[in-house]
Protein backbone atom coordinates (compact mmCIF):
# COMPACT_ATOMS: atom_id res chain seq x y z
CA GLN A 1 127.46 99.60 75.57
CA VAL A 2 124.93 100.38 78.26
CA GLN A 3 121.78 102.25 77.31
CA VAL A 4 118.96 103.44 79.54
CA VAL A 5 116.08 104.96 77.61
CA GLU A 6 112.90 106.47 79.03
CA SER A 7 109.62 106.93 77.18
CA GLY A 8 106.01 107.78 77.86
CA GLY A 9 106.16 111.37 78.99
CA GLY A 10 103.81 114.03 77.75
CA LEU A 11 101.12 116.54 78.63
CA VAL A 12 98.28 115.39 80.87
CA GLN A 13 95.50 117.18 82.73
CA PRO A 14 95.39 117.23 86.52
CA GLY A 15 93.84 114.01 87.79
CA GLY A 16 94.99 112.11 84.73
CA SER A 17 97.36 109.18 84.34
CA LEU A 18 100.56 108.35 82.48
CA ARG A 19 102.79 105.31 82.34
CA LEU A 20 106.49 105.79 81.92
CA SER A 21 108.75 103.05 80.61
CA CYS A 22 112.48 102.61 80.87
CA ALA A 23 114.32 100.06 78.77
CA ALA A 24 117.86 99.09 79.74
CA SER A 25 120.35 97.25 77.57
CA GLY A 26 123.95 96.17 77.99
CA ILE A 27 123.47 95.16 81.63
CA ILE A 28 122.30 92.06 83.48
CA PHE A 29 119.01 93.73 84.32
CA ARG A 30 117.96 91.39 87.12
CA LEU A 31 121.06 92.37 89.12
CA TYR A 32 120.18 96.06 89.16
CA VAL A 33 118.06 98.18 91.44
CA MET A 34 115.94 100.39 89.20
CA GLY A 35 114.73 103.81 90.15
CA TRP A 36 112.78 106.79 88.91
CA TYR A 37 113.91 110.29 89.81
CA ARG A 38 112.51 113.66 88.80
CA GLN A 39 113.71 117.20 88.51
CA ALA A 40 111.29 120.09 88.41
CA PRO A 41 112.33 123.50 87.05
CA GLY A 42 114.55 125.27 89.55
CA LYS A 43 114.68 122.32 91.91
CA GLN A 44 117.09 119.54 92.70
CA ARG A 45 116.65 116.05 91.36
CA GLU A 46 114.68 113.90 93.79
CA LEU A 47 114.02 110.21 94.19
CA VAL A 48 110.50 109.16 93.22
CA ALA A 49 110.54 105.37 93.53
CA THR A 50 112.83 102.37 93.47
CA ILE A 51 112.40 98.67 92.91
CA SER A 52 114.93 96.04 93.87
CA SER A 53 115.82 92.88 92.04
CA GLY A 54 113.51 91.11 94.49
CA ASP A 55 110.64 93.49 93.69
CA SER A 56 110.84 95.42 96.96
CA THR A 57 109.60 98.96 96.38
CA GLU A 58 110.05 102.33 98.01
CA TYR A 59 108.36 105.64 97.28
CA THR A 60 108.80 109.23 98.25
CA ASP A 61 105.93 110.37 100.46
CA SER A 62 104.43 112.75 97.92
CA VAL A 63 103.63 109.95 95.44
CA LYS A 64 102.60 107.15 97.79
CA GLY A 65 99.20 105.78 96.83
CA ARG A 66 99.32 107.46 93.41
CA PHE A 67 102.41 106.03 91.67
CA THR A 68 103.38 102.40 91.20
CA ILE A 69 106.79 101.15 90.10
CA SER A 70 107.15 97.72 88.54
CA ARG A 71 109.68 95.80 86.49
CA ASP A 72 109.69 93.09 83.84
CA ASN A 73 113.04 91.32 83.91
CA ALA A 74 112.22 89.40 80.72
CA LYS A 75 111.89 92.71 78.87
CA ASN A 76 114.67 94.57 80.72
CA THR A 77 112.12 97.27 81.45
CA VAL A 78 110.92 99.21 84.47
CA TYR A 79 107.64 101.10 84.56
CA LEU A 80 106.17 103.96 86.54
CA GLN A 81 102.39 104.10 86.56
CA MET A 82 101.34 107.58 87.61
CA ASN A 83 97.72 108.20 88.59
CA SER A 84 95.91 111.21 90.04
CA LEU A 85 98.58 113.48 88.65
CA LYS A 86 99.02 116.95 90.10
CA PRO A 87 100.63 120.07 88.65
CA GLU A 88 103.44 119.65 91.17
CA ASP A 89 104.33 116.34 89.50
CA THR A 90 105.53 118.32 86.47
CA ALA A 91 109.19 117.47 85.96
CA VAL A 92 111.71 115.67 83.83
CA TYR A 93 111.63 112.05 84.94
CA TYR A 94 114.88 110.10 84.86
CA CYS A 95 115.48 106.38 85.03
CA ASN A 96 118.42 105.06 87.03
CA ALA A 97 120.02 101.64 87.20
CA HIS A 98 122.51 100.78 89.90
CA HIS A 99 124.08 97.44 90.62
CA GLN A 100 122.62 95.80 93.70
CA SER A 101 126.08 94.97 95.08
CA ASN A 102 128.11 97.94 93.87
CA TYR A 103 126.42 101.33 93.94
CA GLY A 104 129.35 102.74 92.02
CA ILE A 105 128.06 100.98 88.93
CA ASN A 106 125.35 103.43 88.07
CA TYR A 107 123.62 104.46 84.83
CA TRP A 108 121.17 107.24 83.94
CA GLY A 109 118.79 107.85 81.11
CA LYS A 110 118.36 111.24 79.46
CA GLY A 111 114.91 111.81 80.88
CA THR A 112 111.35 112.26 79.69
CA LEU A 113 109.24 115.35 80.35
CA VAL A 114 105.94 115.07 82.18
CA THR A 115 103.76 118.16 82.21
CA VAL A 116 100.58 118.24 84.28
CA SER A 117 98.47 121.20 83.28
CA SER A 118 94.96 122.13 82.26
């Protein structure tokens, strides 16, 4: 059974930092592209960052220079380090795993809420 579980969300003040974690089980982790997405209230889910099995990364423009995605294949975990947080970063953050050779093999976590507010 495949499980994708996010953790690390919470309330943080503007300018602060948080690190999200996503642990995946039931898959051969190193064969999956891992991604973080977010959905703010009233908005569509958007891609935040992805990291390939070869550690290539991509970011949406609004988080470049502030967020860093990384993975630890030994721990089957992907991370999202978020610095200089802004109120507009407030959203539910979702972890996604999709197979590097077959995008139809695709798993989602249930999300973790990040609230940036003073």
